[in-house]
């Protein structure tokens, strides 16, 4: 990236003091802000995956992102692949407006983005043919992508990773990305085998540690779908212990692997209910239990299962959250109240939906006992 382009980027990053300062402006939000490591994150985050590239959805995301920052949500979760790079640009435009309008300072906002999926640029690509040409000209021909390292549209490669980081920085208009997550690394497990996967992951983590030193990112992590939830006896299983061992090998005790993202909610409770992971002591544990108290921020995705659970919650779930006034609030209350969860990521483009979700943040998170009771009730129903 040229010095000229760097000068266009918003300097700074989220900091311990800045994110804590943001939280103090919302004293009516008991339990809403969490600090698993250095940064204070809101218990809800804006997600930007759904919608069409550009157009009306761009305007909606820009508006809602600004309203999030005004209303007590300081965590923005996006990805290069979200809406063909347009979500990153919408978030970046909203953040710039919020900073210039003195709604927030840069050090108060936590920006999370992800890379790994081949993400065409909506400004250049309209058809499948154009997408293939885009990747050939912009990545393969420039030596930024080895087609042999692409699996199911996902590349786990250090050179590609660094190129994606710089593209996300430009899209978001930020000098430093607070967290950069590697998308679905588990897709490469079957292709590479355990040893090959570990070696490739180490190369990517080395690139990410260097990006931290250069202040291109603040920290890094992985964003998974089913890899951590596959039983540890199966070949497609992604081991959390091994992922952290790789980070330790690469960055020693000062490594910057600080975030984990995985799906979790009322319709997908495996991260808490399924003992899919082998802990350091050799005992089976749920993914959320294993990562507790490790200083790792945990983002959970799909808490509403893209809205498919709304209007379909069983009575015992409705009764379990008397403080909630909608099914969306009940789903989010379950997710953000579960042990080990830092932040629940929810896609929001509608101001009314945002206001409903913000109303929940004025309620205390549910006692963990209530969450465990719901799991027991669900198991009993299944047994019957």
Protein backbone atom coordinates (compact mmCIF):
# COMPACT_ATOMS: atom_id res chain seq x y z
CA UNK A 1 0.00 0.00 0.00
CA UNK A 2 1.34 3.42 -0.90
CA UNK A 3 2.04 6.19 1.59
CA UNK A 4 -0.69 8.20 -0.13
CA UNK A 5 -3.28 5.51 0.54
CA UNK A 6 -2.10 5.14 4.15
CA UNK A 7 -2.69 8.85 4.65
CA UNK A 8 -6.35 8.31 3.75
CA UNK A 9 -6.84 5.80 6.56
CA UNK A 10 -8.23 6.71 9.97
CA UNK A 11 -5.34 6.37 12.42
CA UNK A 12 -5.44 4.58 15.75
CA UNK A 13 -7.21 1.50 17.07
CA UNK A 14 -9.46 0.33 19.88
CA UNK A 15 -7.75 0.63 23.27
CA UNK A 16 -8.34 -0.45 26.83
CA UNK A 17 -8.92 3.14 27.97
CA UNK A 18 -11.05 4.09 24.97
CA UNK A 19 -13.45 1.14 25.06
CA UNK A 20 -13.81 1.47 28.84
CA UNK A 21 -14.59 5.16 28.35
CA UNK A 22 -17.33 4.29 25.87
CA UNK A 23 -18.92 1.88 28.36
CA UNK A 24 -19.08 4.52 31.08
CA UNK A 25 -21.39 6.61 28.89
CA UNK A 26 -24.08 3.93 29.25
CA UNK A 27 -24.50 3.38 33.02
CA UNK A 28 -28.03 2.00 32.46
CA UNK A 29 -26.71 -1.19 30.77
CA UNK A 30 -25.98 -3.71 33.57
CA UNK A 31 -23.76 -6.53 32.35
CA UNK A 32 -23.83 -5.28 28.77
CA UNK A 33 -20.11 -4.53 28.49
CA UNK A 34 -17.51 -7.27 28.89
CA UNK A 35 -13.72 -7.17 29.05
CA UNK A 36 -12.29 -10.68 28.48
CA UNK A 37 -8.84 -9.28 27.67
CA UNK A 38 -7.70 -5.70 27.00
CA UNK A 39 -10.76 -4.35 25.22
CA UNK A 40 -14.31 -3.77 26.46
CA UNK A 41 -16.89 -5.14 24.03
CA UNK A 42 -20.67 -4.72 23.99
CA UNK A 43 -22.73 -7.88 24.51
CA UNK A 44 -24.36 -7.35 21.12
CA UNK A 45 -22.52 -6.61 17.88
CA UNK A 46 -23.69 -5.48 14.48
CA UNK A 47 -23.41 -8.20 11.82
CA UNK A 48 -23.38 -7.34 8.11
CA UNK A 49 -23.62 -10.62 6.20
CA UNK A 50 -27.15 -10.45 4.83
CA UNK A 51 -28.45 -8.33 1.98
CA UNK A 52 -27.57 -7.44 -1.58
CA UNK A 53 -24.35 -5.67 -2.57
CA UNK A 54 -24.62 -1.89 -2.58
CA UNK A 55 -27.88 -0.09 -3.20
CA UNK A 56 -30.51 0.28 -0.50
CA UNK A 57 -28.79 -2.22 1.80
CA UNK A 58 -25.69 -0.03 1.80
CA UNK A 59 -27.73 2.92 3.02
CA UNK A 60 -29.44 0.79 5.65
CA UNK A 61 -26.19 -0.59 7.04
CA UNK A 62 -24.59 2.86 7.13
CA UNK A 63 -27.56 4.23 9.05
CA UNK A 64 -27.84 1.31 11.49
CA UNK A 65 -24.09 1.18 12.16
CA UNK A 66 -24.17 4.84 13.16
CA UNK A 67 -27.23 4.21 15.36
CA UNK A 68 -25.44 1.29 17.01
CA UNK A 69 -22.53 3.51 18.00
CA UNK A 70 -24.91 6.17 19.29
CA UNK A 71 -26.99 3.62 21.20
CA UNK A 72 -24.46 1.57 23.14
CA UNK A 73 -23.08 -1.02 20.70
CA UNK A 74 -19.36 -0.46 20.15
CA UNK A 75 -18.58 -3.77 18.41
CA UNK A 76 -18.96 -3.97 14.62
CA UNK A 77 -18.48 -7.37 12.97
CA UNK A 78 -18.06 -7.62 9.21
CA UNK A 79 -16.08 -9.56 6.60
CA UNK A 80 -14.49 -8.98 3.21
CA UNK A 81 -16.93 -11.51 1.76
CA UNK A 82 -20.04 -9.86 3.26
CA UNK A 83 -22.05 -8.55 0.32
CA UNK A 84 -19.03 -8.67 -2.01
CA UNK A 85 -16.93 -6.20 0.03
CA UNK A 86 -19.70 -3.58 0.24
CA UNK A 87 -20.45 -4.28 3.91
CA UNK A 88 -16.92 -3.34 4.92
CA UNK A 89 -17.26 -0.10 2.97
CA UNK A 90 -20.62 0.69 4.56
CA UNK A 91 -19.23 0.11 8.06
CA UNK A 92 -16.17 2.20 7.26
CA UNK A 93 -18.28 5.08 5.96
CA UNK A 94 -20.50 4.99 9.07
CA UNK A 95 -17.51 4.89 11.41
CA UNK A 96 -15.82 7.81 9.66
CA UNK A 97 -19.03 9.83 9.93
CA UNK A 98 -19.36 8.96 13.63
CA UNK A 99 -15.77 9.99 14.34
CA UNK A 100 -15.99 13.22 12.34
CA UNK A 101 -19.28 14.04 14.09
CA UNK A 102 -17.66 13.29 17.48
CA UNK A 103 -20.22 10.60 18.26
CA UNK A 104 -17.30 8.30 19.12
CA UNK A 105 -13.53 8.36 19.13
CA UNK A 106 -11.63 5.75 17.13
CA UNK A 107 -10.21 4.19 20.30
CA UNK A 108 -13.73 3.48 21.62
CA UNK A 109 -14.87 1.23 18.76
CA UNK A 110 -13.99 -2.44 18.21
CA UNK A 111 -13.94 -3.38 14.52
CA UNK A 112 -13.81 -7.07 13.65
CA UNK A 113 -13.41 -8.32 10.10
CA UNK A 114 -12.62 -11.62 8.44
CA UNK A 115 -10.88 -13.01 5.39
CA UNK A 116 -10.34 -16.33 3.71
CA UNK A 117 -13.32 -16.68 1.41
CA UNK A 118 -12.70 -15.57 -2.16
CA UNK A 119 -14.57 -12.29 -2.21
CA UNK A 120 -15.17 -10.55 -5.54
CA UNK A 121 -15.60 -6.80 -5.62
CA UNK A 122 -19.16 -5.69 -6.41
CA UNK A 123 -17.77 -2.59 -8.12
CA UNK A 124 -16.14 -4.80 -10.77
CA UNK A 125 -18.03 -8.08 -10.82
CA UNK A 126 -21.56 -8.77 -12.05
CA UNK A 127 -21.35 -12.31 -13.45
CA UNK A 128 -19.64 -15.61 -12.62
CA UNK A 129 -17.34 -15.11 -15.62
CA UNK A 130 -16.34 -11.67 -14.36
CA UNK A 131 -15.66 -13.14 -10.90
CA UNK A 132 -13.23 -15.68 -12.36
CA UNK A 133 -11.51 -12.98 -14.38
CA UNK A 134 -11.35 -10.71 -11.32
CA UNK A 135 -9.50 -13.31 -9.23
CA UNK A 136 -7.22 -14.26 -12.09
CA UNK A 137 -6.15 -10.67 -12.79
CA UNK A 138 -6.09 -9.30 -9.24
CA UNK A 139 -4.76 -12.29 -7.31
CA UNK A 140 -3.38 -15.18 -9.38
CA UNK A 141 -1.53 -13.09 -11.98
CA UNK A 142 -0.08 -10.89 -9.23
CA UNK A 143 1.18 -13.86 -7.23
CA UNK A 144 -1.22 -13.24 -4.34
CA UNK A 145 -3.17 -16.48 -4.67
CA UNK A 146 -2.14 -20.02 -5.48
CA UNK A 147 -5.21 -21.80 -6.96
CA UNK A 148 -3.89 -25.08 -5.56
CA UNK A 149 -4.48 -23.71 -2.05
CA UNK A 150 -8.17 -22.95 -2.60
CA UNK A 151 -10.70 -25.35 -1.07
CA UNK A 152 -14.43 -24.74 -1.44
CA UNK A 153 -13.80 -21.12 -2.33
CA UNK A 154 -11.58 -20.59 0.71
CA UNK A 155 -7.82 -19.97 0.77
CA UNK A 156 -5.60 -20.64 3.77
CA UNK A 157 -2.37 -19.02 2.63
CA UNK A 158 -0.05 -16.40 4.18
CA UNK A 159 0.45 -14.26 1.05
CA UNK A 160 -3.28 -14.22 0.33
CA UNK A 161 -4.03 -13.42 3.98
CA UNK A 162 -1.80 -10.35 3.98
CA UNK A 163 -3.35 -9.13 0.72
CA UNK A 164 -6.81 -9.53 2.22
CA UNK A 165 -5.83 -7.60 5.36
CA UNK A 166 -4.72 -4.62 3.28
CA UNK A 167 -7.86 -4.78 1.14
CA UNK A 168 -10.02 -4.76 4.29
CA UNK A 169 -8.06 -1.80 5.66
CA UNK A 170 -8.79 0.13 2.47
CA UNK A 171 -12.47 -0.86 2.44
CA UNK A 172 -12.95 0.13 6.08
CA UNK A 173 -10.68 3.16 5.82
CA UNK A 174 -8.77 2.10 8.93
CA UNK A 175 -5.07 2.12 9.66
CA UNK A 176 -5.53 -0.77 12.10
CA UNK A 177 -8.14 -3.54 12.15
CA UNK A 178 -8.81 -4.37 15.81
CA UNK A 179 -9.42 -8.08 15.24
CA UNK A 180 -8.75 -10.01 12.05
CA UNK A 181 -10.29 -13.48 11.88
CA UNK A 182 -9.34 -16.35 9.57
CA UNK A 183 -12.57 -17.67 8.06
CA UNK A 184 -13.40 -21.37 8.31
CA UNK A 185 -9.88 -22.78 8.44
CA UNK A 186 -11.46 -26.19 9.09
CA UNK A 187 -12.31 -26.45 5.38
CA UNK A 188 -8.64 -27.29 4.78
CA UNK A 189 -8.34 -30.04 7.37
CA UNK A 190 -9.46 -32.92 5.16
CA UNK A 191 -7.42 -31.68 2.21
CA UNK A 192 -4.15 -31.17 4.12
CA UNK A 193 -4.36 -33.76 6.89
CA UNK A 194 -3.56 -32.93 10.52
CA UNK A 195 0.17 -32.25 10.08
CA UNK A 196 -0.21 -30.34 6.83
CA UNK A 197 -3.01 -28.25 8.27
CA UNK A 198 -1.01 -27.40 11.35
CA UNK A 199 1.96 -26.32 9.22
CA UNK A 200 -0.22 -24.13 6.96
CA UNK A 201 -1.99 -22.58 9.93
CA UNK A 202 1.40 -21.75 11.48
CA UNK A 203 2.41 -19.91 8.30
CA UNK A 204 -0.78 -17.86 8.41
CA UNK A 205 -0.38 -17.10 12.12
CA UNK A 206 3.20 -15.94 11.48
CA UNK A 207 1.82 -13.51 8.90
CA UNK A 208 -0.78 -12.30 11.39
CA UNK A 209 1.79 -11.81 14.15
CA UNK A 210 3.86 -9.72 11.73
CA UNK A 211 0.73 -7.72 10.84
CA UNK A 212 0.28 -6.99 14.57
CA UNK A 213 3.88 -5.74 14.79
CA UNK A 214 3.22 -3.47 11.80
CA UNK A 215 -0.02 -2.23 13.41
CA UNK A 216 -2.09 -3.38 10.45
CA UNK A 217 -4.16 -5.40 12.95
CA UNK A 218 -4.48 -5.34 16.72
CA UNK A 219 -5.05 -9.04 17.28
CA UNK A 220 -6.33 -12.07 15.39
CA UNK A 221 -8.44 -15.19 15.71
CA UNK A 222 -10.49 -17.75 13.82
CA UNK A 223 -14.11 -17.65 12.65
CA UNK A 224 -15.51 -21.16 12.33
CA UNK A 225 -18.77 -22.77 11.38
CA UNK A 226 -18.89 -26.45 12.32
CA UNK A 227 -15.21 -27.30 12.81
CA UNK A 228 -15.15 -26.83 16.58
CA UNK A 229 -18.47 -28.63 16.99
CA UNK A 230 -17.53 -31.82 15.14
CA UNK A 231 -16.75 -34.56 17.73
CA UNK A 232 -13.03 -34.89 18.42
CA UNK A 233 -13.08 -38.47 17.19
CA UNK A 234 -13.90 -37.37 13.62
CA UNK A 235 -11.46 -36.35 10.91
CA UNK A 236 -13.07 -32.96 10.25
CA UNK A 237 -12.71 -31.92 13.90
CA UNK A 238 -10.88 -28.65 14.59
CA UNK A 239 -9.04 -28.83 17.92
CA UNK A 240 -9.00 -25.63 19.96
CA UNK A 241 -6.03 -26.88 21.97
CA UNK A 242 -4.03 -27.45 18.79
CA UNK A 243 -4.99 -24.02 17.43
CA UNK A 244 -3.65 -22.38 20.59
CA UNK A 245 -0.56 -24.58 20.48
CA UNK A 246 0.17 -23.24 17.00
CA UNK A 247 -0.23 -19.68 18.27
CA UNK A 248 2.16 -20.43 21.13
CA UNK A 249 4.70 -21.99 18.75
CA UNK A 250 4.57 -18.94 16.51
CA UNK A 251 4.18 -16.08 18.98
CA UNK A 252 5.27 -17.63 22.30
CA UNK A 253 3.34 -16.62 25.42
CA UNK A 254 2.90 -13.12 23.93
CA UNK A 255 0.93 -14.37 20.93
CA UNK A 256 -2.04 -12.31 19.71
CA UNK A 257 -4.63 -15.03 19.13
CA UNK A 258 -7.36 -13.28 21.12
CA UNK A 259 -10.71 -14.00 19.48
CA UNK A 260 -12.89 -16.94 18.52
CA UNK A 261 -16.14 -16.89 16.56
CA UNK A 262 -18.54 -19.80 16.22
CA UNK A 263 -22.30 -20.35 15.76
CA UNK A 264 -24.44 -20.54 18.87
CA UNK A 265 -28.02 -19.90 19.88
CA UNK A 266 -31.30 -21.50 20.88
CA UNK A 267 -31.38 -23.47 17.63
CA UNK A 268 -27.66 -24.33 17.68
CA UNK A 269 -26.59 -25.00 21.25
CA UNK A 270 -23.78 -27.45 20.54
CA UNK A 271 -21.02 -25.00 21.51
CA UNK A 272 -22.29 -25.22 25.10
CA UNK A 273 -24.06 -28.60 25.18
CA UNK A 274 -21.78 -30.89 23.15
CA UNK A 275 -18.45 -32.07 24.59
CA UNK A 276 -16.73 -31.91 21.20
CA UNK A 277 -13.32 -30.70 22.37
CA UNK A 278 -10.50 -32.48 24.19
CA UNK A 279 -9.06 -30.23 26.87
CA UNK A 280 -5.37 -30.08 27.84
CA UNK A 281 -6.08 -32.68 30.52
CA UNK A 282 -7.53 -35.11 27.97
CA UNK A 283 -11.12 -34.73 29.18
CA UNK A 284 -13.94 -33.86 26.80
CA UNK A 285 -15.43 -30.39 27.10
CA UNK A 286 -17.78 -28.12 25.21
CA UNK A 287 -16.05 -25.45 23.10
CA UNK A 288 -17.42 -22.57 25.18
CA UNK A 289 -16.37 -24.24 28.42
CA UNK A 290 -12.85 -24.90 27.17
CA UNK A 291 -12.24 -21.29 26.15
CA UNK A 292 -13.63 -19.72 29.35
CA UNK A 293 -11.21 -17.67 31.44
CA UNK A 294 -8.49 -17.81 28.77
CA UNK A 295 -8.61 -14.08 27.95
CA UNK A 296 -10.20 -14.93 24.60
CA UNK A 297 -13.08 -12.82 23.32
CA UNK A 298 -15.84 -15.10 22.03
CA UNK A 299 -18.25 -13.88 19.38
CA UNK A 300 -21.23 -16.09 18.59
CA UNK A 301 -22.89 -15.90 15.20
CA UNK A 302 -26.38 -16.83 13.96
CA UNK A 303 -28.14 -16.42 17.36
CA UNK A 304 -31.42 -15.87 15.48
CA UNK A 305 -30.58 -18.43 12.76
CA UNK A 306 -31.31 -15.71 10.19
CA UNK A 307 -34.75 -15.19 11.74
CA UNK A 308 -35.92 -18.76 11.19
CA UNK A 309 -36.54 -19.36 14.91
CA UNK A 310 -38.67 -16.26 15.43
CA UNK A 311 -42.29 -17.09 16.15
CA UNK A 312 -41.38 -20.74 16.74
CA UNK A 313 -39.93 -20.75 20.24
CA UNK A 314 -41.37 -23.36 22.62
CA UNK A 315 -43.36 -22.17 25.61
CA UNK A 316 -40.69 -23.11 28.15
CA UNK A 317 -38.23 -20.79 26.37
CA UNK A 318 -40.71 -17.91 26.30
CA UNK A 319 -41.42 -18.42 30.00
CA UNK A 320 -37.70 -18.66 30.71
CA UNK A 321 -37.08 -15.02 29.76
CA UNK A 322 -39.85 -12.94 31.34
CA UNK A 323 -37.74 -9.78 30.93
CA UNK A 324 -37.81 -10.14 27.13
CA UNK A 325 -40.66 -8.73 25.06
CA UNK A 326 -39.95 -10.39 21.70
CA UNK A 327 -38.57 -13.65 20.33
CA UNK A 328 -35.53 -11.79 19.03
CA UNK A 329 -34.80 -10.52 22.54
CA UNK A 330 -35.23 -14.03 23.96
CA UNK A 331 -32.76 -15.49 21.46
CA UNK A 332 -30.22 -12.76 22.11
CA UNK A 333 -30.67 -12.97 25.87
CA UNK A 334 -29.96 -16.69 25.71
CA UNK A 335 -26.82 -16.18 23.62
CA UNK A 336 -25.30 -13.24 25.49
CA UNK A 337 -26.08 -14.77 28.91
CA UNK A 338 -24.43 -18.15 28.23
CA UNK A 339 -21.19 -18.84 30.06
CA UNK A 340 -18.14 -18.14 27.91
CA UNK A 341 -19.86 -15.80 25.46
CA UNK A 342 -18.57 -12.24 25.12
CA UNK A 343 -20.75 -10.92 22.31
CA UNK A 344 -23.68 -12.11 20.20
CA UNK A 345 -23.49 -10.93 16.59
CA UNK A 346 -26.83 -10.07 15.03
CA UNK A 347 -27.51 -8.78 11.55
CA UNK A 348 -29.43 -5.51 11.69
CA UNK A 349 -30.59 -3.32 8.81
CA UNK A 350 -33.91 -2.12 10.23
CA UNK A 351 -34.03 0.67 12.83
CA UNK A 352 -37.02 -0.91 14.59
CA UNK A 353 -35.14 -4.18 14.99
CA UNK A 354 -32.14 -2.28 16.33
CA UNK A 355 -34.27 -0.42 18.88
CA UNK A 356 -35.80 -3.72 20.03
CA UNK A 357 -32.33 -5.20 20.47
CA UNK A 358 -31.03 -2.11 22.24
CA UNK A 359 -33.93 -2.31 24.70
CA UNK A 360 -32.63 -5.74 25.74
CA UNK A 361 -29.25 -4.24 26.70
CA UNK A 362 -30.99 -2.31 29.49
CA UNK A 363 -31.83 -5.67 31.11
CA UNK A 364 -29.30 -7.67 33.07
CA UNK A 365 -28.08 -10.85 31.38
CA UNK A 366 -29.89 -13.95 32.61
CA UNK A 367 -28.40 -15.94 35.45
CA UNK A 368 -26.41 -18.92 34.07
CA UNK A 369 -28.69 -21.19 36.12
CA UNK A 370 -31.57 -20.21 33.86
CA UNK A 371 -29.56 -21.16 30.79
CA UNK A 372 -28.68 -24.56 32.26
CA UNK A 373 -32.32 -25.10 33.15
CA UNK A 374 -33.32 -24.51 29.53
CA UNK A 375 -30.80 -27.11 28.37
CA UNK A 376 -32.17 -29.64 30.89
CA UNK A 377 -35.72 -28.96 29.74
CA UNK A 378 -34.73 -29.40 26.09
CA UNK A 379 -33.00 -32.70 26.83
CA UNK A 380 -36.05 -33.94 28.71
CA UNK A 381 -38.30 -33.00 25.78
CA UNK A 382 -35.98 -34.81 23.40
CA UNK A 383 -35.99 -37.91 25.59
CA UNK A 384 -39.80 -37.89 25.67
